[in-house]
Amino acid sequence: MSGRQGGKLKPLKQGKKKASDLDEADLEFKKKQQDEQKKLKELKEKAKQGGPLVGGGIKKSGGKK
């Protein structure tokens, strides 16, 4: 008995799924992800244009405890 045969066997690699194997739920999920990425990209572009992201708000002073 050789030392290489002991231990767990690695699982065989499975082939990649083809685009035709995707069902409606997968296609809908991918479309939703793409829409979210577009929204994030638009928000980043708006943020780069300048200006503060958050307006006024309450500012704390460090004087009192």
PDB file of N, CA and C in Angstrom:
ATOM      1  N   MET A   1       0.850  -1.192   0.000  1.00  0.00           N
ATOM      2  CA  MET A   1       0.000   0.000   0.000  1.00  0.00           C
ATOM      3  C   MET A   1       0.882   1.238   0.000  1.00  0.00           C
ATOM      4  N   SER A   2       0.721   2.079  -1.010  1.00  0.00           N
ATOM      5  CA  SER A   2       1.557   3.260  -1.105  1.00  0.00           C
ATOM      6  C   SER A   2       0.949   4.408  -0.299  1.00  0.00           C
ATOM      7  N   GLY A   3       1.758   5.363   0.049  1.00  0.00           N
ATOM      8  CA  GLY A   3       1.311   6.496   0.861  1.00  0.00           C
ATOM      9  C   GLY A   3       0.415   7.460   0.109  1.00  0.00           C
ATOM     10  N   ARG A   4       0.436   7.417  -1.209  1.00  0.00           N
ATOM     11  CA  ARG A   4      -0.356   8.359  -1.991  1.00  0.00           C
ATOM     12  C   ARG A   4      -1.844   8.001  -2.022  1.00  0.00           C
ATOM     13  N   GLN A   5      -2.195   6.793  -1.724  1.00  0.00           N
ATOM     14  CA  GLN A   5      -3.585   6.382  -1.826  1.00  0.00           C
ATOM     15  C   GLN A   5      -4.409   6.767  -0.598  1.00  0.00           C
ATOM     16  N   GLY A   6      -3.782   7.111   0.496  1.00  0.00           N
ATOM     17  CA  GLY A   6      -4.512   7.426   1.719  1.00  0.00           C
ATOM     18  C   GLY A   6      -5.188   8.785   1.655  1.00  0.00           C
ATOM     19  N   GLY A   7      -6.146   8.998   2.539  1.00  0.00           N
ATOM     20  CA  GLY A   7      -6.814  10.284   2.633  1.00  0.00           C
ATOM     21  C   GLY A   7      -7.986  10.417   1.697  1.00  0.00           C
ATOM     22  N   LYS A   8      -8.588  11.603   1.723  1.00  0.00           N
ATOM     23  CA  LYS A   8      -9.763  11.851   0.882  1.00  0.00           C
ATOM     24  C   LYS A   8      -9.380  12.025  -0.579  1.00  0.00           C
ATOM     25  N   LEU A   9     -10.260  11.586  -1.433  1.00  0.00           N
ATOM     26  CA  LEU A   9     -10.060  11.818  -2.858  1.00  0.00           C
ATOM     27  C   LEU A   9     -10.654  13.165  -3.228  1.00  0.00           C
ATOM     28  N   LYS A  10     -10.008  13.878  -4.111  1.00  0.00           N
ATOM     29  CA  LYS A  10     -10.529  15.166  -4.561  1.00  0.00           C
ATOM     30  C   LYS A  10     -11.701  14.927  -5.512  1.00  0.00           C
ATOM     31  N   PRO A  11     -12.737  15.758  -5.426  1.00  0.00           N
ATOM     32  CA  PRO A  11     -13.859  15.587  -6.351  1.00  0.00           C
ATOM     33  C   PRO A  11     -13.443  15.949  -7.777  1.00  0.00           C
ATOM     34  N   LEU A  12     -14.055  15.301  -8.728  1.00  0.00           N
ATOM     35  CA  LEU A  12     -13.751  15.588 -10.121  1.00  0.00           C
ATOM     36  C   LEU A  12     -14.297  16.953 -10.504  1.00  0.00           C
ATOM     37  N   LYS A  13     -13.583  17.632 -11.372  1.00  0.00           N
ATOM     38  CA  LYS A  13     -14.049  18.937 -11.839  1.00  0.00           C
ATOM     39  C   LYS A  13     -15.245  18.745 -12.752  1.00  0.00           C
ATOM     40  N   GLN A  14     -16.245  19.616 -12.585  1.00  0.00           N
ATOM     41  CA  GLN A  14     -17.412  19.548 -13.438  1.00  0.00           C
ATOM     42  C   GLN A  14     -17.324  20.629 -14.500  1.00  0.00           C
ATOM     43  N   GLY A  15     -17.876  20.345 -15.654  1.00  0.00           N
ATOM     44  CA  GLY A  15     -17.843  21.305 -16.748  1.00  0.00           C
ATOM     45  C   GLY A  15     -18.625  22.555 -16.430  1.00  0.00           C
ATOM     46  N   LYS A  16     -18.252  23.636 -17.057  1.00  0.00           N
ATOM     47  CA  LYS A  16     -18.952  24.903 -16.844  1.00  0.00           C
ATOM     48  C   LYS A  16     -20.325  24.848 -17.484  1.00  0.00           C
ATOM     49  N   LYS A  17     -21.269  25.568 -16.874  1.00  0.00           N
ATOM     50  CA  LYS A  17     -22.614  25.621 -17.432  1.00  0.00           C
ATOM     51  C   LYS A  17     -22.614  26.485 -18.684  1.00  0.00           C
ATOM     52  N   LYS A  18     -23.382  26.097 -19.635  1.00  0.00           N
ATOM     53  CA  LYS A  18     -23.525  26.898 -20.842  1.00  0.00           C
ATOM     54  C   LYS A  18     -24.646  27.909 -20.631  1.00  0.00           C
ATOM     55  N   ALA A  19     -24.661  28.938 -21.448  1.00  0.00           N
ATOM     56  CA  ALA A  19     -25.681  29.974 -21.324  1.00  0.00           C
ATOM     57  C   ALA A  19     -27.075  29.398 -21.558  1.00  0.00           C
ATOM     58  N   SER A  20     -27.180  28.340 -22.350  1.00  0.00           N
ATOM     59  CA  SER A  20     -28.476  27.752 -22.641  1.00  0.00           C
ATOM     60  C   SER A  20     -29.030  26.974 -21.452  1.00  0.00           C
ATOM     61  N   ASP A  21     -28.175  26.665 -20.466  1.00  0.00           N
ATOM     62  CA  ASP A  21     -28.622  25.919 -19.293  1.00  0.00           C
ATOM     63  C   ASP A  21     -29.346  26.808 -18.275  1.00  0.00           C
ATOM     64  N   LEU A  22     -29.290  28.124 -18.442  1.00  0.00           N
ATOM     65  CA  LEU A  22     -29.903  29.029 -17.484  1.00  0.00           C
ATOM     66  C   LEU A  22     -31.420  29.050 -17.663  1.00  0.00           C
ATOM     67  N   ASP A  23     -32.122  29.053 -16.527  1.00  0.00           N
ATOM     68  CA  ASP A  23     -33.569  29.134 -16.614  1.00  0.00           C
ATOM     69  C   ASP A  23     -34.022  30.581 -16.401  1.00  0.00           C
ATOM     70  N   GLU A  24     -35.314  30.802 -16.369  1.00  0.00           N
ATOM     71  CA  GLU A  24     -35.854  32.165 -16.285  1.00  0.00           C
ATOM     72  C   GLU A  24     -35.440  32.867 -15.000  1.00  0.00           C
ATOM     73  N   ALA A  25     -35.397  32.135 -13.893  1.00  0.00           N
ATOM     74  CA  ALA A  25     -35.023  32.741 -12.616  1.00  0.00           C
ATOM     75  C   ALA A  25     -33.582  33.255 -12.661  1.00  0.00           C
ATOM     76  N   ASP A  26     -32.690  32.479 -13.264  1.00  0.00           N
ATOM     77  CA  ASP A  26     -31.297  32.909 -13.366  1.00  0.00           C
ATOM     78  C   ASP A  26     -31.165  34.150 -14.241  1.00  0.00           C
ATOM     79  N   LEU A  27     -31.876  34.173 -15.357  1.00  0.00           N
ATOM     80  CA  LEU A  27     -31.810  35.329 -16.252  1.00  0.00           C
ATOM     81  C   LEU A  27     -32.359  36.576 -15.567  1.00  0.00           C
ATOM     82  N   GLU A  28     -33.443  36.416 -14.817  1.00  0.00           N
ATOM     83  CA  GLU A  28     -34.031  37.551 -14.103  1.00  0.00           C
ATOM     84  C   GLU A  28     -33.068  38.067 -13.042  1.00  0.00           C
ATOM     85  N   PHE A  29     -32.400  37.152 -12.345  1.00  0.00           N
ATOM     86  CA  PHE A  29     -31.443  37.538 -11.311  1.00  0.00           C
ATOM     87  C   PHE A  29     -30.271  38.303 -11.908  1.00  0.00           C
ATOM     88  N   LYS A  30     -29.748  37.820 -13.038  1.00  0.00           N
ATOM     89  CA  LYS A  30     -28.633  38.508 -13.690  1.00  0.00           C
ATOM     90  C   LYS A  30     -29.035  39.903 -14.143  1.00  0.00           C
ATOM     91  N   LYS A  31     -30.245  40.036 -14.678  1.00  0.00           N
ATOM     92  CA  LYS A  31     -30.717  41.342 -15.131  1.00  0.00           C
ATOM     93  C   LYS A  31     -30.844  42.296 -13.945  1.00  0.00           C
ATOM     94  N   LYS A  32     -31.330  41.791 -12.826  1.00  0.00           N
ATOM     95  CA  LYS A  32     -31.477  42.609 -11.623  1.00  0.00           C
ATOM     96  C   LYS A  32     -30.113  43.090 -11.138  1.00  0.00           C
ATOM     97  N   GLN A  33     -29.115  42.205 -11.167  1.00  0.00           N
ATOM     98  CA  GLN A  33     -27.770  42.590 -10.751  1.00  0.00           C
ATOM     99  C   GLN A  33     -27.198  43.670 -11.661  1.00  0.00           C
ATOM    100  N   GLN A  34     -27.418  43.543 -12.962  1.00  0.00           N
ATOM    101  CA  GLN A  34     -26.913  44.542 -13.899  1.00  0.00           C
ATOM    102  C   GLN A  34     -27.566  45.887 -13.660  1.00  0.00           C
ATOM    103  N   ASP A  35     -28.868  45.896 -13.362  1.00  0.00           N
ATOM    104  CA  ASP A  35     -29.566  47.143 -13.080  1.00  0.00           C
ATOM    105  C   ASP A  35     -28.997  47.805 -11.828  1.00  0.00           C
ATOM    106  N   GLU A  36     -28.721  47.002 -10.800  1.00  0.00           N
ATOM    107  CA  GLU A  36     -28.154  47.552  -9.574  1.00  0.00           C
ATOM    108  C   GLU A  36     -26.769  48.131  -9.820  1.00  0.00           C
ATOM    109  N   GLN A  37     -25.965  47.466 -10.657  1.00  0.00           N
ATOM    110  CA  GLN A  37     -24.633  47.983 -10.968  1.00  0.00           C
ATOM    111  C   GLN A  37     -24.724  49.312 -11.704  1.00  0.00           C
ATOM    112  N   LYS A  38     -25.695  49.436 -12.612  1.00  0.00           N
ATOM    113  CA  LYS A  38     -25.872  50.697 -13.330  1.00  0.00           C
ATOM    114  C   LYS A  38     -26.243  51.813 -12.373  1.00  0.00           C
ATOM    115  N   LYS A  39     -27.136  51.529 -11.423  1.00  0.00           N
ATOM    116  CA  LYS A  39     -27.543  52.544 -10.446  1.00  0.00           C
ATOM    117  C   LYS A  39     -26.361  52.982  -9.603  1.00  0.00           C
ATOM    118  N   LEU A  40     -25.544  52.010  -9.147  1.00  0.00           N
ATOM    119  CA  LEU A  40     -24.383  52.354  -8.344  1.00  0.00           C
ATOM    120  C   LEU A  40     -23.402  53.218  -9.131  1.00  0.00           C
ATOM    121  N   LYS A  41     -23.224  52.883 -10.402  1.00  0.00           N
ATOM    122  CA  LYS A  41     -22.304  53.644 -11.242  1.00  0.00           C
ATOM    123  C   LYS A  41     -22.798  55.085 -11.400  1.00  0.00           C
ATOM    124  N   GLU A  42     -24.113  55.259 -11.598  1.00  0.00           N
ATOM    125  CA  GLU A  42     -24.676  56.600 -11.727  1.00  0.00           C
ATOM    126  C   GLU A  42     -24.495  57.391 -10.441  1.00  0.00           C
ATOM    127  N   LEU A  43     -24.704  56.741  -9.287  1.00  0.00           N
ATOM    128  CA  LEU A  43     -24.532  57.433  -8.020  1.00  0.00           C
ATOM    129  C   LEU A  43     -23.084  57.853  -7.806  1.00  0.00           C
ATOM    130  N   LYS A  44     -22.148  57.007  -8.229  1.00  0.00           N
ATOM    131  CA  LYS A  44     -20.734  57.354  -8.099  1.00  0.00           C
ATOM    132  C   LYS A  44     -20.396  58.555  -8.969  1.00  0.00           C
ATOM    133  N   GLU A  45     -20.964  58.600 -10.167  1.00  0.00           N
ATOM    134  CA  GLU A  45     -20.718  59.740 -11.061  1.00  0.00           C
ATOM    135  C   GLU A  45     -21.255  61.025 -10.446  1.00  0.00           C
ATOM    136  N   LYS A  46     -22.425  60.956  -9.843  1.00  0.00           N
ATOM    137  CA  LYS A  46     -22.999  62.146  -9.189  1.00  0.00           C
ATOM    138  C   LYS A  46     -22.134  62.589  -8.027  1.00  0.00           C
ATOM    139  N   ALA A  47     -21.590  61.640  -7.289  1.00  0.00           N
ATOM    140  CA  ALA A  47     -20.746  61.965  -6.139  1.00  0.00           C
ATOM    141  C   ALA A  47     -19.448  62.624  -6.594  1.00  0.00           C
ATOM    142  N   LYS A  48     -18.929  62.222  -7.752  1.00  0.00           N
ATOM    143  CA  LYS A  48     -17.682  62.805  -8.255  1.00  0.00           C
ATOM    144  C   LYS A  48     -17.869  64.254  -8.687  1.00  0.00           C
ATOM    145  N   GLN A  49     -19.085  64.623  -9.046  1.00  0.00           N
ATOM    146  CA  GLN A  49     -19.340  65.970  -9.547  1.00  0.00           C
ATOM    147  C   GLN A  49     -19.106  67.021  -8.475  1.00  0.00           C
ATOM    148  N   GLY A  50     -19.167  66.659  -7.227  1.00  0.00           N
ATOM    149  CA  GLY A  50     -18.846  67.594  -6.167  1.00  0.00           C
ATOM    150  C   GLY A  50     -20.037  67.848  -5.267  1.00  0.00           C
ATOM    151  N   GLY A  51     -19.772  68.629  -4.234  1.00  0.00           N
ATOM    152  CA  GLY A  51     -20.808  68.938  -3.278  1.00  0.00           C
ATOM    153  C   GLY A  51     -20.869  67.895  -2.182  1.00  0.00           C
ATOM    154  N   PRO A  52     -21.367  68.292  -1.034  1.00  0.00           N
ATOM    155  CA  PRO A  52     -21.471  67.339   0.065  1.00  0.00           C
ATOM    156  C   PRO A  52     -22.587  66.325  -0.181  1.00  0.00           C
ATOM    157  N   LEU A  53     -22.375  65.105   0.262  1.00  0.00           N
ATOM    158  CA  LEU A  53     -23.395  64.085   0.108  1.00  0.00           C
ATOM    159  C   LEU A  53     -24.532  64.304   1.093  1.00  0.00           C
ATOM    160  N   VAL A  54     -24.181  64.758   2.308  1.00  0.00           N
ATOM    161  CA  VAL A  54     -25.189  64.972   3.331  1.00  0.00           C
ATOM    162  C   VAL A  54     -25.216  66.455   3.665  1.00  0.00           C
ATOM    163  N   GLY A  55     -26.398  67.009   3.745  1.00  0.00           N
ATOM    164  CA  GLY A  55     -26.547  68.421   4.074  1.00  0.00           C
ATOM    165  C   GLY A  55     -26.298  68.686   5.548  1.00  0.00           C
ATOM    166  N   GLY A  56     -26.804  69.769   6.070  1.00  0.00           N
ATOM    167  CA  GLY A  56     -26.642  70.257   7.447  1.00  0.00           C
ATOM    168  C   GLY A  56     -26.475  69.199   8.504  1.00  0.00           C
ATOM    169  N   GLY A  57     -27.510  68.932   9.257  1.00  0.00           N
ATOM    170  CA  GLY A  57     -27.401  67.965  10.340  1.00  0.00           C
ATOM    171  C   GLY A  57     -26.932  68.634  11.621  1.00  0.00           C
ATOM    172  N   ILE A  58     -26.876  67.883  12.696  1.00  0.00           N
ATOM    173  CA  ILE A  58     -26.463  68.412  13.987  1.00  0.00           C
ATOM    174  C   ILE A  58     -24.971  68.210  14.126  1.00  0.00           C
ATOM    175  N   LYS A  59     -24.289  69.299  14.419  1.00  0.00           N
ATOM    176  CA  LYS A  59     -22.849  69.209  14.640  1.00  0.00           C
ATOM    177  C   LYS A  59     -22.576  69.303  16.124  1.00  0.00           C
ATOM    178  N   LYS A  60     -21.743  68.384  16.621  1.00  0.00           N
ATOM    179  CA  LYS A  60     -21.441  68.367  18.038  1.00  0.00           C
ATOM    180  C   LYS A  60     -20.216  69.231  18.306  1.00  0.00           C
ATOM    181  N   SER A  61     -20.273  69.927  19.429  1.00  0.00           N
ATOM    182  CA  SER A  61     -19.113  70.698  19.829  1.00  0.00           C
ATOM    183  C   SER A  61     -18.361  69.909  20.880  1.00  0.00           C
ATOM    184  N   GLY A  62     -17.070  70.083  20.941  1.00  0.00           N
ATOM    185  CA  GLY A  62     -16.262  69.309  21.868  1.00  0.00           C
ATOM    186  C   GLY A  62     -16.123  69.964  23.243  1.00  0.00           C
ATOM    187  N   GLY A  63     -16.820  71.075  23.514  1.00  0.00           N
ATOM    188  CA  GLY A  63     -16.629  71.831  24.741  1.00  0.00           C
ATOM    189  C   GLY A  63     -17.247  71.203  25.966  1.00  0.00           C
ATOM    190  N   LYS A  64     -18.464  70.727  25.913  1.00  0.00           N
ATOM    191  CA  LYS A  64     -19.158  70.216  27.109  1.00  0.00           C
ATOM    192  C   LYS A  64     -19.052  68.716  27.219  1.00  0.00           C
ATOM    193  N   LYS A  65     -19.116  68.237  28.479  1.00  0.00           N
ATOM    194  CA  LYS A  65     -19.125  66.788  28.706  1.00  0.00           C
ATOM    195  C   LYS A  65     -20.306  66.398  29.515  1.00  0.00           C
TER     196      LYS A  65
END
